[in-house]
């Protein structure tokens, strides 16, 4: 089965927390990798997300270590939506 990884950048205007994190993360831009596998039909090709990882610390932030943390894409979407609320 074919697979691919796409990378996006997400922006948080305020500090945020995801259930997978032990600590509050600062506002800023973060790289997110989305792992997907192909769904093949008779005349079409689609992709199904099978995993996601966020890179910590955020872009432009300096830390002693850099890590990729597995996250639930639904949790990320909910945190981004909450961040957009006034």
PDB file of N, CA and C in Angstrom:
ATOM      1  N   UNK A   1       0.852  -1.179   0.000  1.00  0.00           N
ATOM      2  CA  UNK A   1       0.000   0.000   0.000  1.00  0.00           C
ATOM      3  C   UNK A   1       0.897   1.241   0.000  1.00  0.00           C
ATOM      4  N   UNK A   2       0.579   2.214  -0.826  1.00  0.00           N
ATOM      5  CA  UNK A   2       1.350   3.445  -0.913  1.00  0.00           C
ATOM      6  C   UNK A   2       1.078   4.327   0.295  1.00  0.00           C
ATOM      7  N   UNK A   3       2.108   5.069   0.695  1.00  0.00           N
ATOM      8  CA  UNK A   3       1.936   6.012   1.802  1.00  0.00           C
ATOM      9  C   UNK A   3       2.709   7.281   1.475  1.00  0.00           C
ATOM     10  N   UNK A   4       2.368   8.345   2.204  1.00  0.00           N
ATOM     11  CA  UNK A   4       3.063   9.614   2.019  1.00  0.00           C
ATOM     12  C   UNK A   4       3.000  10.394   3.327  1.00  0.00           C
ATOM     13  N   UNK A   5       3.917  11.341   3.439  1.00  0.00           N
ATOM     14  CA  UNK A   5       3.912  12.264   4.563  1.00  0.00           C
ATOM     15  C   UNK A   5       3.872  13.669   4.000  1.00  0.00           C
ATOM     16  N   UNK A   6       2.906  14.458   4.456  1.00  0.00           N
ATOM     17  CA  UNK A   6       2.829  15.860   4.058  1.00  0.00           C
ATOM     18  C   UNK A   6       3.089  16.707   5.296  1.00  0.00           C
ATOM     19  N   UNK A   7       3.659  17.879   5.090  1.00  0.00           N
ATOM     20  CA  UNK A   7       3.961  18.761   6.210  1.00  0.00           C
ATOM     21  C   UNK A   7       3.218  20.073   6.042  1.00  0.00           C
ATOM     22  N   UNK A   8       2.616  20.530   7.129  1.00  0.00           N
ATOM     23  CA  UNK A   8       1.953  21.824   7.152  1.00  0.00           C
ATOM     24  C   UNK A   8       2.530  22.631   8.309  1.00  0.00           C
ATOM     25  N   UNK A   9       2.210  23.902   8.312  1.00  0.00           N
ATOM     26  CA  UNK A   9       2.560  24.778   9.423  1.00  0.00           C
ATOM     27  C   UNK A   9       1.263  25.286  10.010  1.00  0.00           C
ATOM     28  N   UNK A  10       1.116  25.147  11.330  1.00  0.00           N
ATOM     29  CA  UNK A  10      -0.067  25.660  12.016  1.00  0.00           C
ATOM     30  C   UNK A  10       0.361  26.810  12.911  1.00  0.00           C
ATOM     31  N   UNK A  11      -0.555  27.739  13.149  1.00  0.00           N
ATOM     32  CA  UNK A  11      -0.253  28.915  13.971  1.00  0.00           C
ATOM     33  C   UNK A  11      -1.196  28.967  15.167  1.00  0.00           C
ATOM     34  N   UNK A  12      -0.620  29.170  16.328  1.00  0.00           N
ATOM     35  CA  UNK A  12      -1.387  29.410  17.553  1.00  0.00           C
ATOM     36  C   UNK A  12      -1.106  30.823  18.023  1.00  0.00           C
ATOM     37  N   UNK A  13      -2.172  31.601  18.254  1.00  0.00           N
ATOM     38  CA  UNK A  13      -2.044  32.982  18.725  1.00  0.00           C
ATOM     39  C   UNK A  13      -1.838  33.061  20.228  1.00  0.00           C
ATOM     40  N   UNK A  14      -2.211  32.002  20.922  1.00  0.00           N
ATOM     41  CA  UNK A  14      -2.106  31.965  22.385  1.00  0.00           C
ATOM     42  C   UNK A  14      -1.466  30.641  22.788  1.00  0.00           C
ATOM     43  N   UNK A  15      -0.915  30.569  23.996  1.00  0.00           N
ATOM     44  CA  UNK A  15      -0.397  29.284  24.466  1.00  0.00           C
ATOM     45  C   UNK A  15      -1.485  28.212  24.393  1.00  0.00           C
ATOM     46  N   UNK A  16      -1.072  26.972  24.172  1.00  0.00           N
ATOM     47  CA  UNK A  16      -2.043  25.899  23.979  1.00  0.00           C
ATOM     48  C   UNK A  16      -1.529  24.603  24.595  1.00  0.00           C
ATOM     49  N   UNK A  17      -2.453  23.677  24.754  1.00  0.00           N
ATOM     50  CA  UNK A  17      -2.110  22.352  25.274  1.00  0.00           C
ATOM     51  C   UNK A  17      -2.919  21.319  24.502  1.00  0.00           C
ATOM     52  N   UNK A  18      -2.275  20.231  24.174  1.00  0.00           N
ATOM     53  CA  UNK A  18      -2.949  19.070  23.604  1.00  0.00           C
ATOM     54  C   UNK A  18      -2.905  17.952  24.636  1.00  0.00           C
ATOM     55  N   UNK A  19      -3.850  17.017  24.601  1.00  0.00           N
ATOM     56  CA  UNK A  19      -3.863  15.944  25.600  1.00  0.00           C
ATOM     57  C   UNK A  19      -2.543  15.159  25.654  1.00  0.00           C
ATOM     58  N   UNK A  20      -1.801  15.120  24.556  1.00  0.00           N
ATOM     59  CA  UNK A  20      -0.549  14.368  24.515  1.00  0.00           C
ATOM     60  C   UNK A  20       0.607  15.097  25.203  1.00  0.00           C
ATOM     61  N   UNK A  21       0.423  16.380  25.559  1.00  0.00           N
ATOM     62  CA  UNK A  21       1.499  17.193  26.131  1.00  0.00           C
ATOM     63  C   UNK A  21       1.438  17.201  27.649  1.00  0.00           C
ATOM     64  N   UNK A  22       2.610  17.254  28.269  1.00  0.00           N
ATOM     65  CA  UNK A  22       2.690  17.406  29.718  1.00  0.00           C
ATOM     66  C   UNK A  22       2.611  18.872  30.127  1.00  0.00           C
ATOM     67  N   UNK A  23       3.036  19.761  29.231  1.00  0.00           N
ATOM     68  CA  UNK A  23       3.106  21.178  29.571  1.00  0.00           C
ATOM     69  C   UNK A  23       2.414  22.039  28.518  1.00  0.00           C
ATOM     70  N   UNK A  24       2.128  23.263  28.911  1.00  0.00           N
ATOM     71  CA  UNK A  24       1.562  24.269  28.020  1.00  0.00           C
ATOM     72  C   UNK A  24       2.634  24.655  27.009  1.00  0.00           C
ATOM     73  N   UNK A  25       2.248  24.771  25.745  1.00  0.00           N
ATOM     74  CA  UNK A  25       3.173  25.165  24.683  1.00  0.00           C
ATOM     75  C   UNK A  25       2.962  26.644  24.349  1.00  0.00           C
ATOM     76  N   UNK A  26       4.047  27.363  24.051  1.00  0.00           N
ATOM     77  CA  UNK A  26       3.902  28.789  23.750  1.00  0.00           C
ATOM     78  C   UNK A  26       3.220  29.037  22.405  1.00  0.00           C
ATOM     79  N   UNK A  27       2.611  30.206  22.266  1.00  0.00           N
ATOM     80  CA  UNK A  27       2.032  30.625  20.990  1.00  0.00           C
ATOM     81  C   UNK A  27       3.139  30.637  19.939  1.00  0.00           C
ATOM     82  N   UNK A  28       2.753  30.430  18.686  1.00  0.00           N
ATOM     83  CA  UNK A  28       3.731  30.461  17.604  1.00  0.00           C
ATOM     84  C   UNK A  28       3.352  29.534  16.476  1.00  0.00           C
ATOM     85  N   UNK A  29       4.288  29.341  15.569  1.00  0.00           N
ATOM     86  CA  UNK A  29       4.107  28.475  14.411  1.00  0.00           C
ATOM     87  C   UNK A  29       4.775  27.132  14.676  1.00  0.00           C
ATOM     88  N   UNK A  30       4.097  26.065  14.235  1.00  0.00           N
ATOM     89  CA  UNK A  30       4.582  24.709  14.463  1.00  0.00           C
ATOM     90  C   UNK A  30       4.455  23.883  13.188  1.00  0.00           C
ATOM     91  N   UNK A  31       5.506  23.096  12.880  1.00  0.00           N
ATOM     92  CA  UNK A  31       5.424  22.133  11.784  1.00  0.00           C
ATOM     93  C   UNK A  31       4.615  20.937  12.259  1.00  0.00           C
ATOM     94  N   UNK A  32       3.732  20.438  11.380  1.00  0.00           N
ATOM     95  CA  UNK A  32       2.971  19.225  11.658  1.00  0.00           C
ATOM     96  C   UNK A  32       3.122  18.291  10.463  1.00  0.00           C
ATOM     97  N   UNK A  33       3.527  17.052  10.734  1.00  0.00           N
ATOM     98  CA  UNK A  33       3.617  16.022   9.701  1.00  0.00           C
ATOM     99  C   UNK A  33       2.357  15.172   9.747  1.00  0.00           C
ATOM    100  N   UNK A  34       1.774  14.925   8.577  1.00  0.00           N
ATOM    101  CA  UNK A  34       0.585  14.075   8.460  1.00  0.00           C
ATOM    102  C   UNK A  34       0.969  12.841   7.660  1.00  0.00           C
ATOM    103  N   UNK A  35       0.880  11.676   8.275  1.00  0.00           N
ATOM    104  CA  UNK A  35       1.127  10.412   7.575  1.00  0.00           C
ATOM    105  C   UNK A  35      -0.198   9.914   7.007  1.00  0.00           C
ATOM    106  N   UNK A  36      -0.171   9.559   5.724  1.00  0.00           N
ATOM    107  CA  UNK A  36      -1.384   9.120   5.038  1.00  0.00           C
ATOM    108  C   UNK A  36      -1.096   7.863   4.233  1.00  0.00           C
ATOM    109  N   UNK A  37      -2.119   7.034   4.066  1.00  0.00           N
ATOM    110  CA  UNK A  37      -1.990   5.871   3.198  1.00  0.00           C
ATOM    111  C   UNK A  37      -3.042   5.953   2.105  1.00  0.00           C
ATOM    112  N   UNK A  38      -2.701   5.382   0.959  1.00  0.00           N
ATOM    113  CA  UNK A  38      -3.569   5.462  -0.220  1.00  0.00           C
ATOM    114  C   UNK A  38      -4.808   4.605  -0.036  1.00  0.00           C
ATOM    115  N   UNK A  39      -5.913   5.133  -0.555  1.00  0.00           N
ATOM    116  CA  UNK A  39      -7.163   4.390  -0.693  1.00  0.00           C
ATOM    117  C   UNK A  39      -7.429   4.357  -2.188  1.00  0.00           C
ATOM    118  N   UNK A  40      -7.371   3.184  -2.759  1.00  0.00           N
ATOM    119  CA  UNK A  40      -7.494   3.076  -4.211  1.00  0.00           C
ATOM    120  C   UNK A  40      -8.870   2.556  -4.600  1.00  0.00           C
ATOM    121  N   UNK A  41      -9.516   3.286  -5.486  1.00  0.00           N
ATOM    122  CA  UNK A  41     -10.779   2.858  -6.060  1.00  0.00           C
ATOM    123  C   UNK A  41     -10.549   2.454  -7.510  1.00  0.00           C
ATOM    124  N   UNK A  42     -11.605   2.077  -8.189  1.00  0.00           N
ATOM    125  CA  UNK A  42     -11.491   1.648  -9.583  1.00  0.00           C
ATOM    126  C   UNK A  42     -10.986   2.784 -10.479  1.00  0.00           C
ATOM    127  N   UNK A  43     -11.438   4.001 -10.223  1.00  0.00           N
ATOM    128  CA  UNK A  43     -11.044   5.105 -11.102  1.00  0.00           C
ATOM    129  C   UNK A  43     -10.576   6.338 -10.322  1.00  0.00           C
ATOM    130  N   UNK A  44     -10.203   6.175  -9.053  1.00  0.00           N
ATOM    131  CA  UNK A  44      -9.784   7.321  -8.263  1.00  0.00           C
ATOM    132  C   UNK A  44      -8.763   6.886  -7.218  1.00  0.00           C
ATOM    133  N   UNK A  45      -8.065   7.863  -6.669  1.00  0.00           N
ATOM    134  CA  UNK A  45      -7.091   7.628  -5.609  1.00  0.00           C
ATOM    135  C   UNK A  45      -7.362   8.645  -4.515  1.00  0.00           C
ATOM    136  N   UNK A  46      -7.486   8.181  -3.304  1.00  0.00           N
ATOM    137  CA  UNK A  46      -7.685   9.065  -2.162  1.00  0.00           C
ATOM    138  C   UNK A  46      -6.650   8.753  -1.102  1.00  0.00           C
ATOM    139  N   UNK A  47      -6.617   9.574  -0.070  1.00  0.00           N
ATOM    140  CA  UNK A  47      -5.653   9.396   1.010  1.00  0.00           C
ATOM    141  C   UNK A  47      -6.375   9.431   2.341  1.00  0.00           C
ATOM    142  N   UNK A  48      -5.978   8.537   3.233  1.00  0.00           N
ATOM    143  CA  UNK A  48      -6.562   8.466   4.576  1.00  0.00           C
ATOM    144  C   UNK A  48      -5.450   8.759   5.572  1.00  0.00           C
ATOM    145  N   UNK A  49      -5.719   9.705   6.491  1.00  0.00           N
ATOM    146  CA  UNK A  49      -4.735  10.073   7.499  1.00  0.00           C
ATOM    147  C   UNK A  49      -4.627   8.947   8.522  1.00  0.00           C
ATOM    148  N   UNK A  50      -3.408   8.504   8.777  1.00  0.00           N
ATOM    149  CA  UNK A  50      -3.198   7.424   9.739  1.00  0.00           C
ATOM    150  C   UNK A  50      -2.366   7.869  10.940  1.00  0.00           C
ATOM    151  N   UNK A  51      -1.845   9.078  10.896  1.00  0.00           N
ATOM    152  CA  UNK A  51      -1.065   9.577  12.020  1.00  0.00           C
ATOM    153  C   UNK A  51      -0.665  11.011  11.808  1.00  0.00           C
ATOM    154  N   UNK A  52      -0.304  11.674  12.892  1.00  0.00           N
ATOM    155  CA  UNK A  52       0.162  13.052  12.822  1.00  0.00           C
ATOM    156  C   UNK A  52       1.188  13.276  13.928  1.00  0.00           C
ATOM    157  N   UNK A  53       2.148  14.144  13.639  1.00  0.00           N
ATOM    158  CA  UNK A  53       3.215  14.464  14.581  1.00  0.00           C
ATOM    159  C   UNK A  53       3.444  15.968  14.557  1.00  0.00           C
ATOM    160  N   UNK A  54       3.624  16.568  15.731  1.00  0.00           N
ATOM    161  CA  UNK A  54       3.951  17.988  15.812  1.00  0.00           C
ATOM    162  C   UNK A  54       5.407  18.102  16.232  1.00  0.00           C
ATOM    163  N   UNK A  55       6.108  19.067  15.648  1.00  0.00           N
ATOM    164  CA  UNK A  55       7.510  19.301  15.961  1.00  0.00           C
ATOM    165  C   UNK A  55       7.594  20.318  17.088  1.00  0.00           C
ATOM    166  N   UNK A  56       8.325  19.968  18.146  1.00  0.00           N
ATOM    167  CA  UNK A  56       8.540  20.871  19.282  1.00  0.00           C
ATOM    168  C   UNK A  56      10.032  21.093  19.438  1.00  0.00           C
ATOM    169  N   UNK A  57      10.496  22.270  19.779  1.00  0.00           N
ATOM    170  CA  UNK A  57       9.713  23.486  19.972  1.00  0.00           C
ATOM    171  C   UNK A  57       9.245  24.054  18.643  1.00  0.00           C
ATOM    172  N   UNK A  58       8.444  25.095  18.724  1.00  0.00           N
ATOM    173  CA  UNK A  58       7.890  25.732  17.540  1.00  0.00           C
ATOM    174  C   UNK A  58       8.962  26.400  16.681  1.00  0.00           C
ATOM    175  N   UNK A  59       8.577  26.791  15.484  1.00  0.00           N
ATOM    176  CA  UNK A  59       9.478  27.449  14.534  1.00  0.00           C
ATOM    177  C   UNK A  59      10.008  28.742  15.157  1.00  0.00           C
ATOM    178  N   UNK A  60      11.301  28.923  15.121  1.00  0.00           N
ATOM    179  CA  UNK A  60      11.921  30.141  15.634  1.00  0.00           C
ATOM    180  C   UNK A  60      12.143  30.131  17.134  1.00  0.00           C
ATOM    181  N   UNK A  61      11.667  29.107  17.838  1.00  0.00           N
ATOM    182  CA  UNK A  61      11.896  28.992  19.276  1.00  0.00           C
ATOM    183  C   UNK A  61      13.103  28.088  19.479  1.00  0.00           C
ATOM    184  N   UNK A  62      13.906  28.434  20.431  1.00  0.00           N
ATOM    185  CA  UNK A  62      15.114  27.652  20.665  1.00  0.00           C
ATOM    186  C   UNK A  62      14.959  26.850  21.943  1.00  0.00           C
ATOM    187  N   UNK A  63      15.287  25.602  21.854  1.00  0.00           N
ATOM    188  CA  UNK A  63      15.252  24.731  23.010  1.00  0.00           C
ATOM    189  C   UNK A  63      16.460  23.813  22.976  1.00  0.00           C
ATOM    190  N   UNK A  64      16.696  23.148  24.072  1.00  0.00           N
ATOM    191  CA  UNK A  64      17.836  22.247  24.130  1.00  0.00           C
ATOM    192  C   UNK A  64      17.631  21.011  23.268  1.00  0.00           C
ATOM    193  N   UNK A  65      16.383  20.604  23.117  1.00  0.00           N
ATOM    194  CA  UNK A  65      16.093  19.425  22.310  1.00  0.00           C
ATOM    195  C   UNK A  65      14.987  19.738  21.328  1.00  0.00           C
ATOM    196  N   UNK A  66      14.971  18.988  20.260  1.00  0.00           N
ATOM    197  CA  UNK A  66      13.887  19.054  19.298  1.00  0.00           C
ATOM    198  C   UNK A  66      13.258  17.675  19.264  1.00  0.00           C
ATOM    199  N   UNK A  67      11.952  17.610  19.172  1.00  0.00           N
ATOM    200  CA  UNK A  67      11.284  16.324  19.155  1.00  0.00           C
ATOM    201  C   UNK A  67      10.038  16.367  18.283  1.00  0.00           C
ATOM    202  N   UNK A  68       9.636  15.199  17.823  1.00  0.00           N
ATOM    203  CA  UNK A  68       8.373  15.029  17.111  1.00  0.00           C
ATOM    204  C   UNK A  68       7.469  14.255  18.059  1.00  0.00           C
ATOM    205  N   UNK A  69       6.311  14.837  18.361  1.00  0.00           N
ATOM    206  CA  UNK A  69       5.393  14.214  19.303  1.00  0.00           C
ATOM    207  C   UNK A  69       4.168  13.722  18.539  1.00  0.00           C
ATOM    208  N   UNK A  70       3.808  12.439  18.676  1.00  0.00           N
ATOM    209  CA  UNK A  70       2.586  11.961  18.008  1.00  0.00           C
ATOM    210  C   UNK A  70       1.366  12.623  18.631  1.00  0.00           C
ATOM    211  N   UNK A  71       0.440  13.046  17.774  1.00  0.00           N
ATOM    212  CA  UNK A  71      -0.780  13.710  18.241  1.00  0.00           C
ATOM    213  C   UNK A  71      -1.990  13.139  17.524  1.00  0.00           C
ATOM    214  N   UNK A  72      -3.133  13.343  18.114  1.00  0.00           N
ATOM    215  CA  UNK A  72      -4.397  12.980  17.481  1.00  0.00           C
ATOM    216  C   UNK A  72      -4.820  14.163  16.609  1.00  0.00           C
ATOM    217  N   UNK A  73      -4.995  13.961  15.306  1.00  0.00           N
ATOM    218  CA  UNK A  73      -5.377  15.077  14.431  1.00  0.00           C
ATOM    219  C   UNK A  73      -6.659  15.782  14.885  1.00  0.00           C
ATOM    220  N   UNK A  74      -7.603  15.063  15.449  1.00  0.00           N
ATOM    221  CA  UNK A  74      -8.842  15.688  15.931  1.00  0.00           C
ATOM    222  C   UNK A  74      -8.555  16.629  17.092  1.00  0.00           C
ATOM    223  N   UNK A  75      -7.616  16.263  17.963  1.00  0.00           N
ATOM    224  CA  UNK A  75      -7.241  17.146  19.077  1.00  0.00           C
ATOM    225  C   UNK A  75      -6.583  18.415  18.558  1.00  0.00           C
ATOM    226  N   UNK A  76      -5.735  18.277  17.530  1.00  0.00           N
ATOM    227  CA  UNK A  76      -5.099  19.448  16.933  1.00  0.00           C
ATOM    228  C   UNK A  76      -6.145  20.364  16.313  1.00  0.00           C
ATOM    229  N   UNK A  77      -7.081  19.800  15.564  1.00  0.00           N
ATOM    230  CA  UNK A  77      -8.139  20.603  14.944  1.00  0.00           C
ATOM    231  C   UNK A  77      -8.950  21.346  16.004  1.00  0.00           C
ATOM    232  N   UNK A  78      -9.272  20.670  17.112  1.00  0.00           N
ATOM    233  CA  UNK A  78     -10.047  21.300  18.189  1.00  0.00           C
ATOM    234  C   UNK A  78      -9.247  22.423  18.839  1.00  0.00           C
ATOM    235  N   UNK A  79      -7.942  22.227  19.054  1.00  0.00           N
ATOM    236  CA  UNK A  79      -7.119  23.266  19.662  1.00  0.00           C
ATOM    237  C   UNK A  79      -6.990  24.475  18.746  1.00  0.00           C
ATOM    238  N   UNK A  80      -6.856  24.228  17.442  1.00  0.00           N
ATOM    239  CA  UNK A  80      -6.783  25.345  16.493  1.00  0.00           C
ATOM    240  C   UNK A  80      -8.097  26.124  16.441  1.00  0.00           C
ATOM    241  N   UNK A  81      -9.209  25.397  16.497  1.00  0.00           N
ATOM    242  CA  UNK A  81     -10.518  26.059  16.498  1.00  0.00           C
ATOM    243  C   UNK A  81     -10.682  26.895  17.762  1.00  0.00           C
ATOM    244  N   UNK A  82     -10.298  26.359  18.905  1.00  0.00           N
ATOM    245  CA  UNK A  82     -10.370  27.101  20.164  1.00  0.00           C
ATOM    246  C   UNK A  82      -9.500  28.356  20.109  1.00  0.00           C
ATOM    247  N   UNK A  83      -8.321  28.237  19.470  1.00  0.00           N
ATOM    248  CA  UNK A  83      -7.409  29.380  19.356  1.00  0.00           C
ATOM    249  C   UNK A  83      -8.012  30.493  18.503  1.00  0.00           C
ATOM    250  N   UNK A  84      -8.862  30.154  17.560  1.00  0.00           N
ATOM    251  CA  UNK A  84      -9.485  31.154  16.668  1.00  0.00           C
ATOM    252  C   UNK A  84     -10.638  31.902  17.343  1.00  0.00           C
ATOM    253  N   UNK A  85     -11.131  31.355  18.460  1.00  0.00           N
ATOM    254  CA  UNK A  85     -12.276  31.981  19.143  1.00  0.00           C
ATOM    255  C   UNK A  85     -11.814  33.277  19.818  1.00  0.00           C
ATOM    256  N   UNK A  86     -12.667  34.311  19.765  1.00  0.00           N
ATOM    257  CA  UNK A  86     -12.293  35.592  20.411  1.00  0.00           C
ATOM    258  C   UNK A  86     -12.298  35.471  21.924  1.00  0.00           C
TER     259      UNK A  86
END
